[in-house]
Amino acid sequence: MQIKKKIVETNTDNFRGYGSIMKWLEVKKTKPTLSEKYFDWWGKLVTPRFPSGMEMGLFRLKKRGLSMDRMECHQHTPEILLPVDGKFVIPVCC
């Protein structure tokens, strides 16, 4: 059995029932929530309807050497990082 379906390009209107669409080309034209020497961060771009609460943002790393001058700790806020373009290294301290 073969099922044929028409492919429809997603857009803000036809995807609304499933959630939100985040467009990088539009986001990067706006001012980041936080901008520092080594990164830009846009927070709360998408807030899915989950009972536990959740938000999605974009984090853009700026090219630099393999050194660091500080770390941060997320004790009560789980975080996941997915590379969109290229690779990155995450230093971990226990």
PDB file of N, CA and C in Angstrom:
ATOM      1  N   MET A   1       0.847  -1.180   0.000  1.00  0.00           N
ATOM      2  CA  MET A   1       0.000   0.000   0.000  1.00  0.00           C
ATOM      3  C   MET A   1       0.890   1.239   0.000  1.00  0.00           C
ATOM      4  N   GLN A   2       0.520   2.200  -0.780  1.00  0.00           N
ATOM      5  CA  GLN A   2       1.279   3.440  -0.867  1.00  0.00           C
ATOM      6  C   GLN A   2       0.346   4.607  -0.557  1.00  0.00           C
ATOM      7  N   ILE A   3       0.805   5.488   0.316  1.00  0.00           N
ATOM      8  CA  ILE A   3       0.024   6.678   0.666  1.00  0.00           C
ATOM      9  C   ILE A   3       0.751   7.889   0.116  1.00  0.00           C
ATOM     10  N   LYS A   4       0.056   8.686  -0.657  1.00  0.00           N
ATOM     11  CA  LYS A   4       0.660   9.892  -1.214  1.00  0.00           C
ATOM     12  C   LYS A   4       0.160  11.100  -0.439  1.00  0.00           C
ATOM     13  N   LYS A   5       1.094  11.936  -0.059  1.00  0.00           N
ATOM     14  CA  LYS A   5       0.760  13.157   0.682  1.00  0.00           C
ATOM     15  C   LYS A   5       1.430  14.335   0.013  1.00  0.00           C
ATOM     16  N   LYS A   6       0.758  15.445   0.003  1.00  0.00           N
ATOM     17  CA  LYS A   6       1.335  16.668  -0.531  1.00  0.00           C
ATOM     18  C   LYS A   6       2.251  17.268   0.539  1.00  0.00           C
ATOM     19  N   ILE A   7       3.450  17.640   0.151  1.00  0.00           N
ATOM     20  CA  ILE A   7       4.387  18.275   1.082  1.00  0.00           C
ATOM     21  C   ILE A   7       4.053  19.754   1.169  1.00  0.00           C
ATOM     22  N   VAL A   8       3.862  20.220   2.389  1.00  0.00           N
ATOM     23  CA  VAL A   8       3.518  21.620   2.621  1.00  0.00           C
ATOM     24  C   VAL A   8       4.623  22.261   3.448  1.00  0.00           C
ATOM     25  N   GLU A   9       5.157  23.359   2.975  1.00  0.00           N
ATOM     26  CA  GLU A   9       6.189  24.071   3.733  1.00  0.00           C
ATOM     27  C   GLU A   9       5.558  24.692   4.974  1.00  0.00           C
ATOM     28  N   THR A  10       6.207  24.492   6.122  1.00  0.00           N
ATOM     29  CA  THR A  10       5.656  25.051   7.359  1.00  0.00           C
ATOM     30  C   THR A  10       5.849  26.561   7.404  1.00  0.00           C
ATOM     31  N   ASN A  11       4.882  27.205   8.032  1.00  0.00           N
ATOM     32  CA  ASN A  11       4.982  28.639   8.301  1.00  0.00           C
ATOM     33  C   ASN A  11       4.281  28.912   9.623  1.00  0.00           C
ATOM     34  N   THR A  12       4.341  30.122  10.088  1.00  0.00           N
ATOM     35  CA  THR A  12       3.776  30.473  11.391  1.00  0.00           C
ATOM     36  C   THR A  12       2.296  30.112  11.477  1.00  0.00           C
ATOM     37  N   ASP A  13       1.544  30.327  10.421  1.00  0.00           N
ATOM     38  CA  ASP A  13       0.104  30.066  10.449  1.00  0.00           C
ATOM     39  C   ASP A  13      -0.238  28.579  10.459  1.00  0.00           C
ATOM     40  N   ASN A  14       0.337  27.797   9.537  1.00  0.00           N
ATOM     41  CA  ASN A  14      -0.068  26.393   9.469  1.00  0.00           C
ATOM     42  C   ASN A  14       0.598  25.515  10.534  1.00  0.00           C
ATOM     43  N   PHE A  15       1.554  26.050  11.281  1.00  0.00           N
ATOM     44  CA  PHE A  15       2.210  25.287  12.342  1.00  0.00           C
ATOM     45  C   PHE A  15       1.678  25.659  13.727  1.00  0.00           C
ATOM     46  N   ARG A  16       0.840  26.692  13.811  1.00  0.00           N
ATOM     47  CA  ARG A  16       0.357  27.224  15.089  1.00  0.00           C
ATOM     48  C   ARG A  16      -0.238  26.149  16.002  1.00  0.00           C
ATOM     49  N   GLY A  17      -0.952  25.185  15.454  1.00  0.00           N
ATOM     50  CA  GLY A  17      -1.562  24.133  16.263  1.00  0.00           C
ATOM     51  C   GLY A  17      -0.560  23.202  16.928  1.00  0.00           C
ATOM     52  N   TYR A  18       0.687  23.207  16.463  1.00  0.00           N
ATOM     53  CA  TYR A  18       1.731  22.336  16.998  1.00  0.00           C
ATOM     54  C   TYR A  18       2.712  23.071  17.904  1.00  0.00           C
ATOM     55  N   GLY A  19       2.773  24.388  17.782  1.00  0.00           N
ATOM     56  CA  GLY A  19       3.738  25.162  18.570  1.00  0.00           C
ATOM     57  C   GLY A  19       4.197  26.393  17.821  1.00  0.00           C
ATOM     58  N   SER A  20       5.419  26.792  18.071  1.00  0.00           N
ATOM     59  CA  SER A  20       5.975  28.004  17.477  1.00  0.00           C
ATOM     60  C   SER A  20       7.145  27.669  16.564  1.00  0.00           C
ATOM     61  N   ILE A  21       7.405  28.550  15.625  1.00  0.00           N
ATOM     62  CA  ILE A  21       8.558  28.416  14.738  1.00  0.00           C
ATOM     63  C   ILE A  21       9.542  29.525  15.084  1.00  0.00           C
ATOM     64  N   MET A  22      10.788  29.139  15.310  1.00  0.00           N
ATOM     65  CA  MET A  22      11.832  30.101  15.632  1.00  0.00           C
ATOM     66  C   MET A  22      12.695  30.278  14.387  1.00  0.00           C
ATOM     67  N   LYS A  23      12.768  31.488  13.871  1.00  0.00           N
ATOM     68  CA  LYS A  23      13.533  31.752  12.653  1.00  0.00           C
ATOM     69  C   LYS A  23      14.806  32.511  12.996  1.00  0.00           C
ATOM     70  N   TRP A  24      15.950  31.857  12.804  1.00  0.00           N
ATOM     71  CA  TRP A  24      17.237  32.449  13.159  1.00  0.00           C
ATOM     72  C   TRP A  24      17.487  33.756  12.416  1.00  0.00           C
ATOM     73  N   LEU A  25      17.127  33.823  11.138  1.00  0.00           N
ATOM     74  CA  LEU A  25      17.374  35.043  10.367  1.00  0.00           C
ATOM     75  C   LEU A  25      16.638  36.242  10.959  1.00  0.00           C
ATOM     76  N   GLU A  26      15.470  36.010  11.559  1.00  0.00           N
ATOM     77  CA  GLU A  26      14.732  37.093  12.212  1.00  0.00           C
ATOM     78  C   GLU A  26      15.292  37.375  13.599  1.00  0.00           C
ATOM     79  N   VAL A  27      15.644  36.317  14.330  1.00  0.00           N
ATOM     80  CA  VAL A  27      16.154  36.473  15.695  1.00  0.00           C
ATOM     81  C   VAL A  27      17.454  37.264  15.710  1.00  0.00           C
ATOM     82  N   LYS A  28      18.390  36.939  14.826  1.00  0.00           N
ATOM     83  CA  LYS A  28      19.704  37.580  14.887  1.00  0.00           C
ATOM     84  C   LYS A  28      19.664  39.062  14.529  1.00  0.00           C
ATOM     85  N   LYS A  29      18.552  39.556  13.989  1.00  0.00           N
ATOM     86  CA  LYS A  29      18.398  40.990  13.730  1.00  0.00           C
ATOM     87  C   LYS A  29      18.030  41.754  15.000  1.00  0.00           C
ATOM     88  N   THR A  30      17.601  41.030  16.032  1.00  0.00           N
ATOM     89  CA  THR A  30      17.182  41.665  17.286  1.00  0.00           C
ATOM     90  C   THR A  30      18.345  41.725  18.270  1.00  0.00           C
ATOM     91  N   LYS A  31      18.190  42.543  19.285  1.00  0.00           N
ATOM     92  CA  LYS A  31      19.215  42.668  20.322  1.00  0.00           C
ATOM     93  C   LYS A  31      19.177  41.431  21.223  1.00  0.00           C
ATOM     94  N   PRO A  32      20.339  40.809  21.501  1.00  0.00           N
ATOM     95  CA  PRO A  32      20.359  39.642  22.389  1.00  0.00           C
ATOM     96  C   PRO A  32      19.900  40.008  23.804  1.00  0.00           C
ATOM     97  N   THR A  33      19.348  39.035  24.507  1.00  0.00           N
ATOM     98  CA  THR A  33      18.990  39.215  25.910  1.00  0.00           C
ATOM     99  C   THR A  33      20.247  39.514  26.719  1.00  0.00           C
ATOM    100  N   LEU A  34      21.334  38.848  26.363  1.00  0.00           N
ATOM    101  CA  LEU A  34      22.623  39.039  27.029  1.00  0.00           C
ATOM    102  C   LEU A  34      23.725  38.894  25.985  1.00  0.00           C
ATOM    103  N   SER A  35      24.644  39.842  25.977  1.00  0.00           N
ATOM    104  CA  SER A  35      25.767  39.790  25.049  1.00  0.00           C
ATOM    105  C   SER A  35      27.043  40.032  25.835  1.00  0.00           C
ATOM    106  N   GLU A  36      27.973  39.097  25.737  1.00  0.00           N
ATOM    107  CA  GLU A  36      29.250  39.224  26.429  1.00  0.00           C
ATOM    108  C   GLU A  36      30.381  38.983  25.441  1.00  0.00           C
ATOM    109  N   LYS A  37      31.591  39.022  25.943  1.00  0.00           N
ATOM    110  CA  LYS A  37      32.776  38.913  25.094  1.00  0.00           C
ATOM    111  C   LYS A  37      32.767  37.667  24.211  1.00  0.00           C
ATOM    112  N   TYR A  38      32.336  36.543  24.758  1.00  0.00           N
ATOM    113  CA  TYR A  38      32.426  35.274  24.039  1.00  0.00           C
ATOM    114  C   TYR A  38      31.100  34.711  23.539  1.00  0.00           C
ATOM    115  N   PHE A  39      29.981  35.361  23.827  1.00  0.00           N
ATOM    116  CA  PHE A  39      28.703  34.809  23.375  1.00  0.00           C
ATOM    117  C   PHE A  39      27.606  35.866  23.300  1.00  0.00           C
ATOM    118  N   ASP A  40      26.573  35.528  22.552  1.00  0.00           N
ATOM    119  CA  ASP A  40      25.308  36.264  22.537  1.00  0.00           C
ATOM    120  C   ASP A  40      24.227  35.256  22.890  1.00  0.00           C
ATOM    121  N   TRP A  41      23.241  35.683  23.667  1.00  0.00           N
ATOM    122  CA  TRP A  41      22.163  34.788  24.074  1.00  0.00           C
ATOM    123  C   TRP A  41      20.819  35.498  23.946  1.00  0.00           C
ATOM    124  N   TRP A  42      19.902  34.840  23.254  1.00  0.00           N
ATOM    125  CA  TRP A  42      18.538  35.319  23.131  1.00  0.00           C
ATOM    126  C   TRP A  42      17.666  34.357  23.933  1.00  0.00           C
ATOM    127  N   GLY A  43      17.062  34.821  25.005  1.00  0.00           N
ATOM    128  CA  GLY A  43      16.262  33.959  25.871  1.00  0.00           C
ATOM    129  C   GLY A  43      14.773  34.105  25.624  1.00  0.00           C
ATOM    130  N   LYS A  44      14.028  33.107  26.074  1.00  0.00           N
ATOM    131  CA  LYS A  44      12.565  33.078  26.004  1.00  0.00           C
ATOM    132  C   LYS A  44      12.020  33.378  24.609  1.00  0.00           C
ATOM    133  N   LEU A  45      12.644  32.800  23.594  1.00  0.00           N
ATOM    134  CA  LEU A  45      12.143  32.979  22.227  1.00  0.00           C
ATOM    135  C   LEU A  45      10.888  32.147  21.996  1.00  0.00           C
ATOM    136  N   VAL A  46      10.860  30.968  22.604  1.00  0.00           N
ATOM    137  CA  VAL A  46       9.707  30.078  22.506  1.00  0.00           C
ATOM    138  C   VAL A  46       9.435  29.542  23.900  1.00  0.00           C
ATOM    139  N   THR A  47       8.180  29.565  24.317  1.00  0.00           N
ATOM    140  CA  THR A  47       7.804  29.003  25.618  1.00  0.00           C
ATOM    141  C   THR A  47       6.710  27.954  25.390  1.00  0.00           C
ATOM    142  N   PRO A  48       7.123  26.691  25.158  1.00  0.00           N
ATOM    143  CA  PRO A  48       6.147  25.620  24.916  1.00  0.00           C
ATOM    144  C   PRO A  48       5.216  25.440  26.109  1.00  0.00           C
ATOM    145  N   ARG A  49       4.041  24.902  25.836  1.00  0.00           N
ATOM    146  CA  ARG A  49       3.044  24.698  26.893  1.00  0.00           C
ATOM    147  C   ARG A  49       3.273  23.350  27.581  1.00  0.00           C
ATOM    148  N   PHE A  50       4.244  23.314  28.491  1.00  0.00           N
ATOM    149  CA  PHE A  50       4.507  22.117  29.282  1.00  0.00           C
ATOM    150  C   PHE A  50       4.148  22.419  30.732  1.00  0.00           C
ATOM    151  N   PRO A  51       3.536  21.463  31.452  1.00  0.00           N
ATOM    152  CA  PRO A  51       3.163  21.704  32.846  1.00  0.00           C
ATOM    153  C   PRO A  51       4.354  22.110  33.721  1.00  0.00           C
ATOM    154  N   SER A  52       5.524  21.563  33.446  1.00  0.00           N
ATOM    155  CA  SER A  52       6.696  21.856  34.278  1.00  0.00           C
ATOM    156  C   SER A  52       7.338  23.189  33.915  1.00  0.00           C
ATOM    157  N   GLY A  53       6.913  23.796  32.833  1.00  0.00           N
ATOM    158  CA  GLY A  53       7.505  25.054  32.393  1.00  0.00           C
ATOM    159  C   GLY A  53       8.776  24.803  31.609  1.00  0.00           C
ATOM    160  N   MET A  54       8.973  25.570  30.584  1.00  0.00           N
ATOM    161  CA  MET A  54      10.148  25.397  29.737  1.00  0.00           C
ATOM    162  C   MET A  54      10.268  26.618  28.843  1.00  0.00           C
ATOM    163  N   GLU A  55      11.473  26.928  28.455  1.00  0.00           N
ATOM    164  CA  GLU A  55      11.669  27.992  27.479  1.00  0.00           C
ATOM    165  C   GLU A  55      12.821  27.612  26.566  1.00  0.00           C
ATOM    166  N   MET A  56      12.807  28.166  25.371  1.00  0.00           N
ATOM    167  CA  MET A  56      13.878  27.902  24.417  1.00  0.00           C
ATOM    168  C   MET A  56      14.487  29.220  23.975  1.00  0.00           C
ATOM    169  N   GLY A  57      15.786  29.176  23.823  1.00  0.00           N
ATOM    170  CA  GLY A  57      16.494  30.355  23.363  1.00  0.00           C
ATOM    171  C   GLY A  57      17.608  29.946  22.423  1.00  0.00           C
ATOM    172  N   LEU A  58      18.347  30.913  21.958  1.00  0.00           N
ATOM    173  CA  LEU A  58      19.493  30.654  21.092  1.00  0.00           C
ATOM    174  C   LEU A  58      20.743  31.231  21.722  1.00  0.00           C
ATOM    175  N   PHE A  59      21.814  30.471  21.630  1.00  0.00           N
ATOM    176  CA  PHE A  59      23.097  30.826  22.228  1.00  0.00           C
ATOM    177  C   PHE A  59      24.120  30.800  21.106  1.00  0.00           C
ATOM    178  N   ARG A  60      24.713  31.939  20.786  1.00  0.00           N
ATOM    179  CA  ARG A  60      25.712  31.996  19.712  1.00  0.00           C
ATOM    180  C   ARG A  60      27.081  32.241  20.319  1.00  0.00           C
ATOM    181  N   LEU A  61      27.966  31.273  20.124  1.00  0.00           N
ATOM    182  CA  LEU A  61      29.341  31.410  20.610  1.00  0.00           C
ATOM    183  C   LEU A  61      30.158  32.216  19.617  1.00  0.00           C
ATOM    184  N   LYS A  62      31.062  33.012  20.143  1.00  0.00           N
ATOM    185  CA  LYS A  62      31.979  33.770  19.298  1.00  0.00           C
ATOM    186  C   LYS A  62      33.312  33.031  19.278  1.00  0.00           C
ATOM    187  N   LYS A  63      33.934  32.995  18.130  1.00  0.00           N
ATOM    188  CA  LYS A  63      35.192  32.252  17.976  1.00  0.00           C
ATOM    189  C   LYS A  63      36.234  32.774  18.961  1.00  0.00           C
ATOM    190  N   ARG A  64      36.934  31.842  19.614  1.00  0.00           N
ATOM    191  CA  ARG A  64      37.941  32.196  20.613  1.00  0.00           C
ATOM    192  C   ARG A  64      38.917  31.048  20.789  1.00  0.00           C
ATOM    193  N   GLY A  65      39.952  31.281  21.552  1.00  0.00           N
ATOM    194  CA  GLY A  65      40.933  30.242  21.843  1.00  0.00           C
ATOM    195  C   GLY A  65      40.378  29.223  22.827  1.00  0.00           C
ATOM    196  N   LEU A  66      41.138  28.183  23.088  1.00  0.00           N
ATOM    197  CA  LEU A  66      40.703  27.137  24.014  1.00  0.00           C
ATOM    198  C   LEU A  66      41.105  27.479  25.442  1.00  0.00           C
ATOM    199  N   SER A  67      40.557  28.559  25.948  1.00  0.00           N
ATOM    200  CA  SER A  67      40.790  28.945  27.341  1.00  0.00           C
ATOM    201  C   SER A  67      39.491  29.519  27.885  1.00  0.00           C
ATOM    202  N   MET A  68      39.376  29.567  29.206  1.00  0.00           N
ATOM    203  CA  MET A  68      38.172  30.129  29.819  1.00  0.00           C
ATOM    204  C   MET A  68      38.546  30.857  31.091  1.00  0.00           C
ATOM    205  N   ASP A  69      37.728  31.838  31.451  1.00  0.00           N
ATOM    206  CA  ASP A  69      38.018  32.613  32.651  1.00  0.00           C
ATOM    207  C   ASP A  69      36.940  32.464  33.716  1.00  0.00           C
ATOM    208  N   ARG A  70      35.874  31.700  33.415  1.00  0.00           N
ATOM    209  CA  ARG A  70      34.832  31.442  34.411  1.00  0.00           C
ATOM    210  C   ARG A  70      33.913  30.322  33.938  1.00  0.00           C
ATOM    211  N   MET A  71      33.121  29.808  34.877  1.00  0.00           N
ATOM    212  CA  MET A  71      32.129  28.777  34.573  1.00  0.00           C
ATOM    213  C   MET A  71      30.835  29.175  35.258  1.00  0.00           C
ATOM    214  N   GLU A  72      29.744  28.531  34.873  1.00  0.00           N
ATOM    215  CA  GLU A  72      28.472  28.776  35.540  1.00  0.00           C
ATOM    216  C   GLU A  72      27.899  27.453  36.016  1.00  0.00           C
ATOM    217  N   CYS A  73      26.961  27.538  36.936  1.00  0.00           N
ATOM    218  CA  CYS A  73      26.386  26.338  37.535  1.00  0.00           C
ATOM    219  C   CYS A  73      24.862  26.402  37.445  1.00  0.00           C
ATOM    220  N   HIS A  74      24.258  25.374  36.878  1.00  0.00           N
ATOM    221  CA  HIS A  74      22.799  25.275  36.800  1.00  0.00           C
ATOM    222  C   HIS A  74      22.352  24.204  37.797  1.00  0.00           C
ATOM    223  N   GLN A  75      22.082  24.594  39.031  1.00  0.00           N
ATOM    224  CA  GLN A  75      21.675  23.618  40.051  1.00  0.00           C
ATOM    225  C   GLN A  75      20.201  23.248  39.949  1.00  0.00           C
ATOM    226  N   HIS A  76      19.366  24.190  39.546  1.00  0.00           N
ATOM    227  CA  HIS A  76      17.924  23.943  39.554  1.00  0.00           C
ATOM    228  C   HIS A  76      17.272  24.132  38.188  1.00  0.00           C
ATOM    229  N   THR A  77      18.062  24.336  37.163  1.00  0.00           N
ATOM    230  CA  THR A  77      17.506  24.531  35.823  1.00  0.00           C
ATOM    231  C   THR A  77      18.217  23.610  34.833  1.00  0.00           C
ATOM    232  N   PRO A  78      17.557  22.510  34.449  1.00  0.00           N
ATOM    233  CA  PRO A  78      18.163  21.618  33.462  1.00  0.00           C
ATOM    234  C   PRO A  78      18.417  22.372  32.157  1.00  0.00           C
ATOM    235  N   GLU A  79      19.437  21.973  31.450  1.00  0.00           N
ATOM    236  CA  GLU A  79      19.791  22.652  30.211  1.00  0.00           C
ATOM    237  C   GLU A  79      20.280  21.632  29.197  1.00  0.00           C
ATOM    238  N   ILE A  80      19.928  21.860  27.951  1.00  0.00           N
ATOM    239  CA  ILE A  80      20.430  21.017  26.867  1.00  0.00           C
ATOM    240  C   ILE A  80      20.979  21.943  25.787  1.00  0.00           C
ATOM    241  N   LEU A  81      22.107  21.576  25.221  1.00  0.00           N
ATOM    242  CA  LEU A  81      22.721  22.355  24.149  1.00  0.00           C
ATOM    243  C   LEU A  81      22.784  21.490  22.898  1.00  0.00           C
ATOM    244  N   LEU A  82      22.257  21.996  21.814  1.00  0.00           N
ATOM    245  CA  LEU A  82      22.288  21.285  20.539  1.00  0.00           C
ATOM    246  C   LEU A  82      23.011  22.149  19.517  1.00  0.00           C
ATOM    247  N   PRO A  83      24.115  21.659  18.951  1.00  0.00           N
ATOM    248  CA  PRO A  83      24.821  22.464  17.949  1.00  0.00           C
ATOM    249  C   PRO A  83      23.992  22.568  16.669  1.00  0.00           C
ATOM    250  N   VAL A  84      23.785  23.779  16.217  1.00  0.00           N
ATOM    251  CA  VAL A  84      23.041  24.008  14.986  1.00  0.00           C
ATOM    252  C   VAL A  84      23.998  24.072  13.806  1.00  0.00           C
ATOM    253  N   ASP A  85      25.161  24.671  14.039  1.00  0.00           N
ATOM    254  CA  ASP A  85      26.136  24.845  12.966  1.00  0.00           C
ATOM    255  C   ASP A  85      27.525  24.699  13.572  1.00  0.00           C
ATOM    256  N   GLY A  86      28.251  23.682  13.203  1.00  0.00           N
ATOM    257  CA  GLY A  86      29.599  23.489  13.729  1.00  0.00           C
ATOM    258  C   GLY A  86      29.611  22.627  14.979  1.00  0.00           C
ATOM    259  N   LYS A  87      30.734  22.668  15.683  1.00  0.00           N
ATOM    260  CA  LYS A  87      30.942  21.855  16.881  1.00  0.00           C
ATOM    261  C   LYS A  87      31.324  22.757  18.038  1.00  0.00           C
ATOM    262  N   PHE A  88      31.154  22.243  19.260  1.00  0.00           N
ATOM    263  CA  PHE A  88      31.603  22.974  20.434  1.00  0.00           C
ATOM    264  C   PHE A  88      32.070  21.999  21.503  1.00  0.00           C
ATOM    265  N   VAL A  89      32.861  22.488  22.428  1.00  0.00           N
ATOM    266  CA  VAL A  89      33.378  21.696  23.541  1.00  0.00           C
ATOM    267  C   VAL A  89      32.773  22.260  24.819  1.00  0.00           C
ATOM    268  N   ILE A  90      32.281  21.377  25.691  1.00  0.00           N
ATOM    269  CA  ILE A  90      31.718  21.816  26.966  1.00  0.00           C
ATOM    270  C   ILE A  90      32.634  21.346  28.083  1.00  0.00           C
ATOM    271  N   PRO A  91      33.332  22.274  28.761  1.00  0.00           N
ATOM    272  CA  PRO A  91      34.135  21.872  29.924  1.00  0.00           C
ATOM    273  C   PRO A  91      33.200  21.582  31.097  1.00  0.00           C
ATOM    274  N   VAL A  92      33.471  20.505  31.817  1.00  0.00           N
ATOM    275  CA  VAL A  92      32.638  20.110  32.947  1.00  0.00           C
ATOM    276  C   VAL A  92      33.495  20.045  34.195  1.00  0.00           C
ATOM    277  N   CYS A  93      32.979  20.579  35.286  1.00  0.00           N
ATOM    278  CA  CYS A  93      33.687  20.560  36.563  1.00  0.00           C
ATOM    279  C   CYS A  93      32.800  19.867  37.585  1.00  0.00           C
ATOM    280  N   CYS A  94      33.342  18.897  38.322  1.00  0.00           N
ATOM    281  CA  CYS A  94      32.556  18.163  39.321  1.00  0.00           C
ATOM    282  C   CYS A  94      33.036  18.492  40.716  1.00  0.00           C
TER     283      CYS A  94
END
